[in-house]
All heavy atoms as atom14 arrays in JSON, in Angstrom:
{
  "sequence": "EADLPTAPPARVWQRIAQGLSEEAAEPTTPPPDGGDSPPS",
  "atom14_mask": [
    [1, 1, 1, 1, 1, 1, 1, 1, 1, 0, 0, 0, 0, 0],
    [1, 1, 1, 1, 1, 0, 0, 0, 0, 0, 0, 0, 0, 0],
    [1, 1, 1, 1, 1, 1, 1, 1, 0, 0, 0, 0, 0, 0],
    [1, 1, 1, 1, 1, 1, 1, 1, 0, 0, 0, 0, 0, 0],
    [1, 1, 1, 1, 1, 1, 1, 0, 0, 0, 0, 0, 0, 0],
    [1, 1, 1, 1, 1, 1, 1, 0, 0, 0, 0, 0, 0, 0],
    [1, 1, 1, 1, 1, 0, 0, 0, 0, 0, 0, 0, 0, 0],
    [1, 1, 1, 1, 1, 1, 1, 0, 0, 0, 0, 0, 0, 0],
    [1, 1, 1, 1, 1, 1, 1, 0, 0, 0, 0, 0, 0, 0],
    [1, 1, 1, 1, 1, 0, 0, 0, 0, 0, 0, 0, 0, 0],
    [1, 1, 1, 1, 1, 1, 1, 1, 1, 1, 1, 0, 0, 0],
    [1, 1, 1, 1, 1, 1, 1, 0, 0, 0, 0, 0, 0, 0],
    [1, 1, 1, 1, 1, 1, 1, 1, 1, 1, 1, 1, 1, 1],
    [1, 1, 1, 1, 1, 1, 1, 1, 1, 0, 0, 0, 0, 0],
    [1, 1, 1, 1, 1, 1, 1, 1, 1, 1, 1, 0, 0, 0],
    [1, 1, 1, 1, 1, 1, 1, 1, 0, 0, 0, 0, 0, 0],
    [1, 1, 1, 1, 1, 0, 0, 0, 0, 0, 0, 0, 0, 0],
    [1, 1, 1, 1, 1, 1, 1, 1, 1, 0, 0, 0, 0, 0],
    [1, 1, 1, 1, 0, 0, 0, 0, 0, 0, 0, 0, 0, 0],
    [1, 1, 1, 1, 1, 1, 1, 1, 0, 0, 0, 0, 0, 0],
    [1, 1, 1, 1, 1, 1, 0, 0, 0, 0, 0, 0, 0, 0],
    [1, 1, 1, 1, 1, 1, 1, 1, 1, 0, 0, 0, 0, 0],
    [1, 1, 1, 1, 1, 1, 1, 1, 1, 0, 0, 0, 0, 0],
    [1, 1, 1, 1, 1, 0, 0, 0, 0, 0, 0, 0, 0, 0],
    [1, 1, 1, 1, 1, 0, 0, 0, 0, 0, 0, 0, 0, 0],
    [1, 1, 1, 1, 1, 1, 1, 1, 1, 0, 0, 0, 0, 0],
    [1, 1, 1, 1, 1, 1, 1, 0, 0, 0, 0, 0, 0, 0],
    [1, 1, 1, 1, 1, 1, 1, 0, 0, 0, 0, 0, 0, 0],
    [1, 1, 1, 1, 1, 1, 1, 0, 0, 0, 0, 0, 0, 0],
    [1, 1, 1, 1, 1, 1, 1, 0, 0, 0, 0, 0, 0, 0],
    [1, 1, 1, 1, 1, 1, 1, 0, 0, 0, 0, 0, 0, 0],
    [1, 1, 1, 1, 1, 1, 1, 0, 0, 0, 0, 0, 0, 0],
    [1, 1, 1, 1, 1, 1, 1, 1, 0, 0, 0, 0, 0, 0],
    [1, 1, 1, 1, 0, 0, 0, 0, 0, 0, 0, 0, 0, 0],
    [1, 1, 1, 1, 0, 0, 0, 0, 0, 0, 0, 0, 0, 0],
    [1, 1, 1, 1, 1, 1, 1, 1, 0, 0, 0, 0, 0, 0],
    [1, 1, 1, 1, 1, 1, 0, 0, 0, 0, 0, 0, 0, 0],
    [1, 1, 1, 1, 1, 1, 1, 0, 0, 0, 0, 0, 0, 0],
    [1, 1, 1, 1, 1, 1, 1, 0, 0, 0, 0, 0, 0, 0],
    [1, 1, 1, 1, 1, 1, 0, 0, 0, 0, 0, 0, 0, 0]
  ],
  "atom14_positions": [
    [[-12.0, -24.77, 17.51], [-11.34, -23.85, 16.49], [-11.32, -22.37, 16.88], [-10.36, -21.71, 16.61], [-12.03, -24.01, 15.16], [-11.42, -23.21, 14.03], [-11.94, -23.61, 12.66], [-12.68, -24.54, 12.49], [-11.67, -22.9, 11.78], [0.0, 0.0, 0.0], [0.0, 0.0, 0.0], [0.0, 0.0, 0.0], [0.0, 0.0, 0.0], [0.0, 0.0, 0.0]],
    [[-12.32, -22.01, 17.59], [-12.56, -20.62, 18.14], [-11.34, -20.24, 19.16], [-11.07, -19.14, 19.28], [-13.86, -20.3, 18.67], [0.0, 0.0, 0.0], [0.0, 0.0, 0.0], [0.0, 0.0, 0.0], [0.0, 0.0, 0.0], [0.0, 0.0, 0.0], [0.0, 0.0, 0.0], [0.0, 0.0, 0.0], [0.0, 0.0, 0.0], [0.0, 0.0, 0.0]],
    [[-10.78, -21.34, 19.77], [-9.7, -21.02, 20.71], [-8.41, -20.88, 20.13], [-7.43, -20.35, 20.79], [-9.61, -22.26, 21.57], [-10.91, -22.45, 22.38], [-11.61, -21.41, 22.82], [-11.25, -23.64, 22.69], [0.0, 0.0, 0.0], [0.0, 0.0, 0.0], [0.0, 0.0, 0.0], [0.0, 0.0, 0.0], [0.0, 0.0, 0.0], [0.0, 0.0, 0.0]],
    [[-8.21, -21.23, 18.87], [-7.01, -21.17, 18.17], [-6.57, -19.63, 17.88], [-7.49, -18.79, 17.63], [-6.96, -22.04, 16.88], [-7.2, -23.46, 17.13], [-7.33, -24.2, 15.7], [-6.11, -24.14, 17.84], [0.0, 0.0, 0.0], [0.0, 0.0, 0.0], [0.0, 0.0, 0.0], [0.0, 0.0, 0.0], [0.0, 0.0, 0.0], [0.0, 0.0, 0.0]],
    [[-5.32, -19.42, 17.81], [-4.89, -17.98, 17.51], [-5.27, -17.66, 16.03], [-5.26, -18.55, 15.26], [-3.41, -18.02, 17.82], [-2.97, -19.4, 17.7], [-4.14, -20.22, 18.1], [0.0, 0.0, 0.0], [0.0, 0.0, 0.0], [0.0, 0.0, 0.0], [0.0, 0.0, 0.0], [0.0, 0.0, 0.0], [0.0, 0.0, 0.0], [0.0, 0.0, 0.0]],
    [[-5.63, -16.35, 15.85], [-5.84, -15.79, 14.55], [-4.72, -15.05, 14.01], [-3.93, -14.49, 14.9], [-7.13, -15.08, 14.52], [-6.97, -13.98, 15.35], [-8.35, -15.99, 14.87], [0.0, 0.0, 0.0], [0.0, 0.0, 0.0], [0.0, 0.0, 0.0], [0.0, 0.0, 0.0], [0.0, 0.0, 0.0], [0.0, 0.0, 0.0], [0.0, 0.0, 0.0]],
    [[-4.69, -14.77, 12.68], [-3.57, -13.97, 12.09], [-3.86, -12.6, 12.54], [-5.09, -12.18, 12.6], [-3.59, -14.09, 10.64], [0.0, 0.0, 0.0], [0.0, 0.0, 0.0], [0.0, 0.0, 0.0], [0.0, 0.0, 0.0], [0.0, 0.0, 0.0], [0.0, 0.0, 0.0], [0.0, 0.0, 0.0], [0.0, 0.0, 0.0], [0.0, 0.0, 0.0]],
    [[-2.83, -11.71, 12.75], [-3.13, -10.35, 13.08], [-3.59, -9.59, 11.91], [-3.36, -10.03, 10.78], [-1.63, -9.82, 13.4], [-0.66, -10.79, 12.98], [-1.4, -12.13, 12.79], [0.0, 0.0, 0.0], [0.0, 0.0, 0.0], [0.0, 0.0, 0.0], [0.0, 0.0, 0.0], [0.0, 0.0, 0.0], [0.0, 0.0, 0.0], [0.0, 0.0, 0.0]],
    [[-4.19, -8.47, 12.19], [-4.74, -7.66, 11.06], [-3.66, -7.17, 10.11], [-2.4, -7.15, 10.46], [-5.39, -6.52, 11.74], [-5.38, -6.77, 13.13], [-4.52, -7.86, 13.35], [0.0, 0.0, 0.0], [0.0, 0.0, 0.0], [0.0, 0.0, 0.0], [0.0, 0.0, 0.0], [0.0, 0.0, 0.0], [0.0, 0.0, 0.0], [0.0, 0.0, 0.0]],
    [[-3.97, -6.85, 8.9], [-3.01, -6.45, 7.84], [-2.15, -5.17, 8.29], [-1.02, -5.06, 8.12], [-3.68, -6.13, 6.51], [0.0, 0.0, 0.0], [0.0, 0.0, 0.0], [0.0, 0.0, 0.0], [0.0, 0.0, 0.0], [0.0, 0.0, 0.0], [0.0, 0.0, 0.0], [0.0, 0.0, 0.0], [0.0, 0.0, 0.0], [0.0, 0.0, 0.0]],
    [[-2.84, -4.27, 9.13], [-2.19, -3.11, 9.54], [-1.04, -3.37, 10.51], [-0.08, -2.63, 10.5], [-3.24, -2.1, 10.4], [-3.78, -2.73, 11.65], [-4.82, -1.77, 12.3], [-5.67, -2.45, 13.09], [-5.34, -2.83, 14.4], [-4.08, -2.58, 14.79], [-6.09, -3.46, 15.15], [0.0, 0.0, 0.0], [0.0, 0.0, 0.0], [0.0, 0.0, 0.0]],
    [[-0.97, -4.55, 11.19], [0.06, -4.91, 12.06], [1.34, -5.32, 11.24], [2.33, -4.82, 11.4], [-0.4, -6.12, 12.92], [0.84, -6.68, 13.67], [-1.35, -5.82, 13.91], [0.0, 0.0, 0.0], [0.0, 0.0, 0.0], [0.0, 0.0, 0.0], [0.0, 0.0, 0.0], [0.0, 0.0, 0.0], [0.0, 0.0, 0.0], [0.0, 0.0, 0.0]],
    [[1.11, -6.05, 10.09], [2.16, -6.39, 9.25], [2.67, -5.2, 8.54], [3.91, -5.13, 8.2], [1.75, -7.4, 8.22], [1.41, -8.78, 8.87], [0.21, -9.51, 8.91], [2.35, -9.59, 9.56], [0.36, -10.58, 9.56], [1.62, -10.69, 10.08], [3.67, -9.53, 9.95], [2.29, -11.74, 10.69], [4.3, -10.52, 10.51], [3.6, -11.62, 11.03]],
    [[1.88, -4.28, 8.2], [2.25, -2.92, 7.54], [3.23, -2.2, 8.5], [4.29, -1.67, 8.16], [1.1, -2.12, 7.15], [0.34, -2.74, 6.09], [-1.0, -2.07, 5.83], [-1.46, -1.31, 6.56], [-1.74, -2.45, 4.63], [0.0, 0.0, 0.0], [0.0, 0.0, 0.0], [0.0, 0.0, 0.0], [0.0, 0.0, 0.0], [0.0, 0.0, 0.0]],
    [[2.79, -2.1, 9.8], [3.74, -1.41, 10.7], [5.04, -2.16, 11.01], [6.07, -1.49, 11.05], [3.03, -1.26, 12.09], [1.64, -0.47, 12.13], [1.88, 1.01, 12.24], [2.88, 1.46, 13.26], [2.54, 1.77, 14.37], [1.3, 1.9, 14.88], [3.35, 2.27, 15.3], [0.0, 0.0, 0.0], [0.0, 0.0, 0.0], [0.0, 0.0, 0.0]],
    [[5.03, -3.38, 10.86], [6.27, -4.22, 11.0], [7.13, -3.89, 9.8], [8.46, -3.62, 10.03], [5.91, -5.68, 11.28], [5.4, -5.97, 12.56], [7.32, -6.51, 10.99], [4.89, -7.38, 12.71], [0.0, 0.0, 0.0], [0.0, 0.0, 0.0], [0.0, 0.0, 0.0], [0.0, 0.0, 0.0], [0.0, 0.0, 0.0], [0.0, 0.0, 0.0]],
    [[6.68, -3.96, 8.66], [7.37, -3.64, 7.43], [7.94, -2.26, 7.46], [9.07, -2.05, 7.09], [6.46, -3.98, 6.18], [0.0, 0.0, 0.0], [0.0, 0.0, 0.0], [0.0, 0.0, 0.0], [0.0, 0.0, 0.0], [0.0, 0.0, 0.0], [0.0, 0.0, 0.0], [0.0, 0.0, 0.0], [0.0, 0.0, 0.0], [0.0, 0.0, 0.0]],
    [[7.19, -1.31, 7.94], [7.5, 0.11, 7.9], [8.71, 0.21, 8.84], [9.73, 0.89, 8.68], [6.41, 0.88, 8.43], [6.68, 2.41, 8.51], [5.57, 3.25, 9.1], [4.61, 2.63, 9.48], [5.72, 4.54, 9.07], [0.0, 0.0, 0.0], [0.0, 0.0, 0.0], [0.0, 0.0, 0.0], [0.0, 0.0, 0.0], [0.0, 0.0, 0.0]],
    [[8.6, -0.43, 10.12], [9.63, -0.35, 11.04], [10.97, -0.97, 10.55], [12.16, -0.35, 10.73], [0.0, 0.0, 0.0], [0.0, 0.0, 0.0], [0.0, 0.0, 0.0], [0.0, 0.0, 0.0], [0.0, 0.0, 0.0], [0.0, 0.0, 0.0], [0.0, 0.0, 0.0], [0.0, 0.0, 0.0], [0.0, 0.0, 0.0], [0.0, 0.0, 0.0]],
    [[10.83, -1.98, 9.82], [12.1, -2.69, 9.33], [12.7, -1.83, 8.16], [13.9, -1.8, 8.14], [11.65, -4.09, 8.7], [11.36, -5.11, 9.74], [10.99, -6.44, 9.0], [12.48, -5.4, 10.59], [0.0, 0.0, 0.0], [0.0, 0.0, 0.0], [0.0, 0.0, 0.0], [0.0, 0.0, 0.0], [0.0, 0.0, 0.0], [0.0, 0.0, 0.0]],
    [[11.93, -1.2, 7.3], [12.45, -0.35, 6.28], [13.06, 0.94, 6.92], [14.18, 1.29, 6.46], [11.4, 0.01, 5.36], [10.41, 0.82, 5.93], [0.0, 0.0, 0.0], [0.0, 0.0, 0.0], [0.0, 0.0, 0.0], [0.0, 0.0, 0.0], [0.0, 0.0, 0.0], [0.0, 0.0, 0.0], [0.0, 0.0, 0.0], [0.0, 0.0, 0.0]],
    [[12.55, 1.38, 8.07], [13.09, 2.53, 8.67], [14.42, 2.18, 9.31], [15.36, 2.93, 9.27], [12.22, 3.16, 9.74], [11.0, 3.92, 9.08], [9.9, 4.17, 10.16], [10.2, 3.99, 11.43], [8.97, 4.79, 9.8], [0.0, 0.0, 0.0], [0.0, 0.0, 0.0], [0.0, 0.0, 0.0], [0.0, 0.0, 0.0], [0.0, 0.0, 0.0]],
    [[14.48, 0.95, 9.91], [15.73, 0.56, 10.48], [16.9, 0.36, 9.46], [18.02, 0.69, 9.67], [15.53, -0.82, 11.15], [15.84, -0.89, 12.62], [15.6, -2.18, 13.23], [16.38, -3.25, 13.03], [14.66, -2.29, 13.91], [0.0, 0.0, 0.0], [0.0, 0.0, 0.0], [0.0, 0.0, 0.0], [0.0, 0.0, 0.0], [0.0, 0.0, 0.0]],
    [[16.51, -0.18, 8.25], [17.52, -0.43, 7.21], [17.99, 0.89, 6.63], [19.07, 0.9, 6.09], [16.83, -1.27, 6.12], [0.0, 0.0, 0.0], [0.0, 0.0, 0.0], [0.0, 0.0, 0.0], [0.0, 0.0, 0.0], [0.0, 0.0, 0.0], [0.0, 0.0, 0.0], [0.0, 0.0, 0.0], [0.0, 0.0, 0.0], [0.0, 0.0, 0.0]],
    [[17.15, 2.03, 6.72], [17.55, 3.21, 6.25], [18.24, 4.22, 7.2], [18.55, 5.38, 6.89], [16.27, 4.02, 5.65], [0.0, 0.0, 0.0], [0.0, 0.0, 0.0], [0.0, 0.0, 0.0], [0.0, 0.0, 0.0], [0.0, 0.0, 0.0], [0.0, 0.0, 0.0], [0.0, 0.0, 0.0], [0.0, 0.0, 0.0], [0.0, 0.0, 0.0]],
    [[18.56, 3.66, 8.32], [19.35, 4.49, 9.32], [20.57, 4.99, 8.75], [21.33, 4.21, 8.03], [19.69, 3.67, 10.59], [18.39, 3.38, 11.31], [18.76, 2.6, 12.59], [20.02, 2.36, 12.9], [17.82, 2.33, 13.45], [0.0, 0.0, 0.0], [0.0, 0.0, 0.0], [0.0, 0.0, 0.0], [0.0, 0.0, 0.0], [0.0, 0.0, 0.0]],
    [[21.01, 6.21, 9.04], [22.25, 6.89, 8.49], [23.49, 6.18, 9.19], [23.45, 5.59, 10.14], [22.15, 8.33, 8.91], [21.31, 8.34, 10.03], [20.29, 7.27, 9.86], [0.0, 0.0, 0.0], [0.0, 0.0, 0.0], [0.0, 0.0, 0.0], [0.0, 0.0, 0.0], [0.0, 0.0, 0.0], [0.0, 0.0, 0.0], [0.0, 0.0, 0.0]],
    [[24.48, 6.21, 8.37], [25.82, 5.7, 8.88], [26.63, 6.88, 9.34], [26.4, 7.99, 8.96], [26.63, 4.87, 7.72], [26.74, 5.82, 6.6], [25.74, 3.71, 7.39], [0.0, 0.0, 0.0], [0.0, 0.0, 0.0], [0.0, 0.0, 0.0], [0.0, 0.0, 0.0], [0.0, 0.0, 0.0], [0.0, 0.0, 0.0], [0.0, 0.0, 0.0]],
    [[27.61, 6.54, 10.19], [28.49, 7.63, 10.73], [29.68, 7.84, 9.91], [30.23, 6.88, 9.29], [28.95, 7.2, 12.15], [29.62, 5.82, 12.1], [27.82, 7.06, 13.18], [0.0, 0.0, 0.0], [0.0, 0.0, 0.0], [0.0, 0.0, 0.0], [0.0, 0.0, 0.0], [0.0, 0.0, 0.0], [0.0, 0.0, 0.0], [0.0, 0.0, 0.0]],
    [[30.1, 8.98, 9.7], [31.21, 9.19, 8.82], [32.53, 8.74, 9.54], [32.66, 8.53, 10.73], [31.34, 10.69, 8.68], [30.63, 11.3, 9.85], [29.66, 10.21, 10.15], [0.0, 0.0, 0.0], [0.0, 0.0, 0.0], [0.0, 0.0, 0.0], [0.0, 0.0, 0.0], [0.0, 0.0, 0.0], [0.0, 0.0, 0.0], [0.0, 0.0, 0.0]],
    [[33.57, 8.43, 8.78], [34.77, 7.9, 9.33], [35.47, 8.97, 10.2], [35.39, 10.33, 9.84], [35.67, 7.48, 8.2], [35.14, 8.17, 7.02], [33.56, 8.43, 7.26], [0.0, 0.0, 0.0], [0.0, 0.0, 0.0], [0.0, 0.0, 0.0], [0.0, 0.0, 0.0], [0.0, 0.0, 0.0], [0.0, 0.0, 0.0], [0.0, 0.0, 0.0]],
    [[36.12, 8.64, 11.24], [36.55, 9.62, 12.23], [37.77, 10.45, 11.64], [37.99, 11.6, 11.91], [37.09, 8.83, 13.45], [37.15, 7.42, 12.97], [36.22, 7.34, 11.86], [0.0, 0.0, 0.0], [0.0, 0.0, 0.0], [0.0, 0.0, 0.0], [0.0, 0.0, 0.0], [0.0, 0.0, 0.0], [0.0, 0.0, 0.0], [0.0, 0.0, 0.0]],
    [[38.51, 9.8, 10.63], [39.71, 10.48, 10.07], [39.22, 11.42, 8.91], [40.17, 12.06, 8.27], [40.79, 9.49, 9.63], [40.25, 8.52, 8.64], [39.08, 8.54, 8.25], [41.04, 7.57, 8.26], [0.0, 0.0, 0.0], [0.0, 0.0, 0.0], [0.0, 0.0, 0.0], [0.0, 0.0, 0.0], [0.0, 0.0, 0.0], [0.0, 0.0, 0.0]],
    [[38.0, 11.36, 8.46], [37.64, 12.14, 7.3], [38.06, 11.59, 5.95], [38.06, 12.29, 4.96], [0.0, 0.0, 0.0], [0.0, 0.0, 0.0], [0.0, 0.0, 0.0], [0.0, 0.0, 0.0], [0.0, 0.0, 0.0], [0.0, 0.0, 0.0], [0.0, 0.0, 0.0], [0.0, 0.0, 0.0], [0.0, 0.0, 0.0], [0.0, 0.0, 0.0]],
    [[38.67, 10.48, 5.99], [39.22, 9.74, 4.69], [38.25, 9.34, 3.78], [37.0, 9.52, 3.89], [0.0, 0.0, 0.0], [0.0, 0.0, 0.0], [0.0, 0.0, 0.0], [0.0, 0.0, 0.0], [0.0, 0.0, 0.0], [0.0, 0.0, 0.0], [0.0, 0.0, 0.0], [0.0, 0.0, 0.0], [0.0, 0.0, 0.0], [0.0, 0.0, 0.0]],
    [[38.68, 8.56, 2.74], [37.77, 7.95, 1.9], [37.29, 6.62, 2.16], [36.62, 5.98, 1.31], [38.58, 7.86, 0.4], [38.93, 9.33, -0.15], [38.18, 10.24, 0.27], [39.95, 9.43, -0.81], [0.0, 0.0, 0.0], [0.0, 0.0, 0.0], [0.0, 0.0, 0.0], [0.0, 0.0, 0.0], [0.0, 0.0, 0.0], [0.0, 0.0, 0.0]],
    [[37.52, 6.18, 3.22], [37.05, 4.73, 3.57], [35.52, 4.81, 3.69], [34.99, 5.81, 4.05], [37.64, 4.24, 4.83], [37.4, 5.1, 5.97], [0.0, 0.0, 0.0], [0.0, 0.0, 0.0], [0.0, 0.0, 0.0], [0.0, 0.0, 0.0], [0.0, 0.0, 0.0], [0.0, 0.0, 0.0], [0.0, 0.0, 0.0], [0.0, 0.0, 0.0]],
    [[34.91, 3.65, 3.39], [33.39, 3.64, 3.37], [32.91, 3.95, 4.82], [33.62, 3.45, 5.82], [32.99, 2.29, 2.94], [34.28, 1.43, 2.98], [35.47, 2.42, 3.07], [0.0, 0.0, 0.0], [0.0, 0.0, 0.0], [0.0, 0.0, 0.0], [0.0, 0.0, 0.0], [0.0, 0.0, 0.0], [0.0, 0.0, 0.0], [0.0, 0.0, 0.0]],
    [[31.85, 4.54, 5.01], [31.26, 4.79, 6.44], [30.97, 3.52, 7.11], [30.42, 2.51, 6.43], [30.05, 5.78, 6.1], [29.7, 5.49, 4.61], [30.95, 5.03, 4.01], [0.0, 0.0, 0.0], [0.0, 0.0, 0.0], [0.0, 0.0, 0.0], [0.0, 0.0, 0.0], [0.0, 0.0, 0.0], [0.0, 0.0, 0.0], [0.0, 0.0, 0.0]],
    [[31.14, 3.52, 8.38], [30.72, 2.4, 9.13], [29.35, 2.55, 9.72], [28.82, 3.61, 10.03], [31.75, 2.23, 10.35], [31.61, 3.28, 11.21], [0.0, 0.0, 0.0], [0.0, 0.0, 0.0], [0.0, 0.0, 0.0], [0.0, 0.0, 0.0], [0.0, 0.0, 0.0], [0.0, 0.0, 0.0], [0.0, 0.0, 0.0], [0.0, 0.0, 0.0]]
  ]
}
């Protein structure tokens, strides 16, 4: 049993969640023509 992998500490999961939320909040670029189309 001691040879089996253990779950990572909670701080690891917190960093992963933080990284994912930062990735999801990345800004979008404005449309090149300056029109009303949604940003890509």
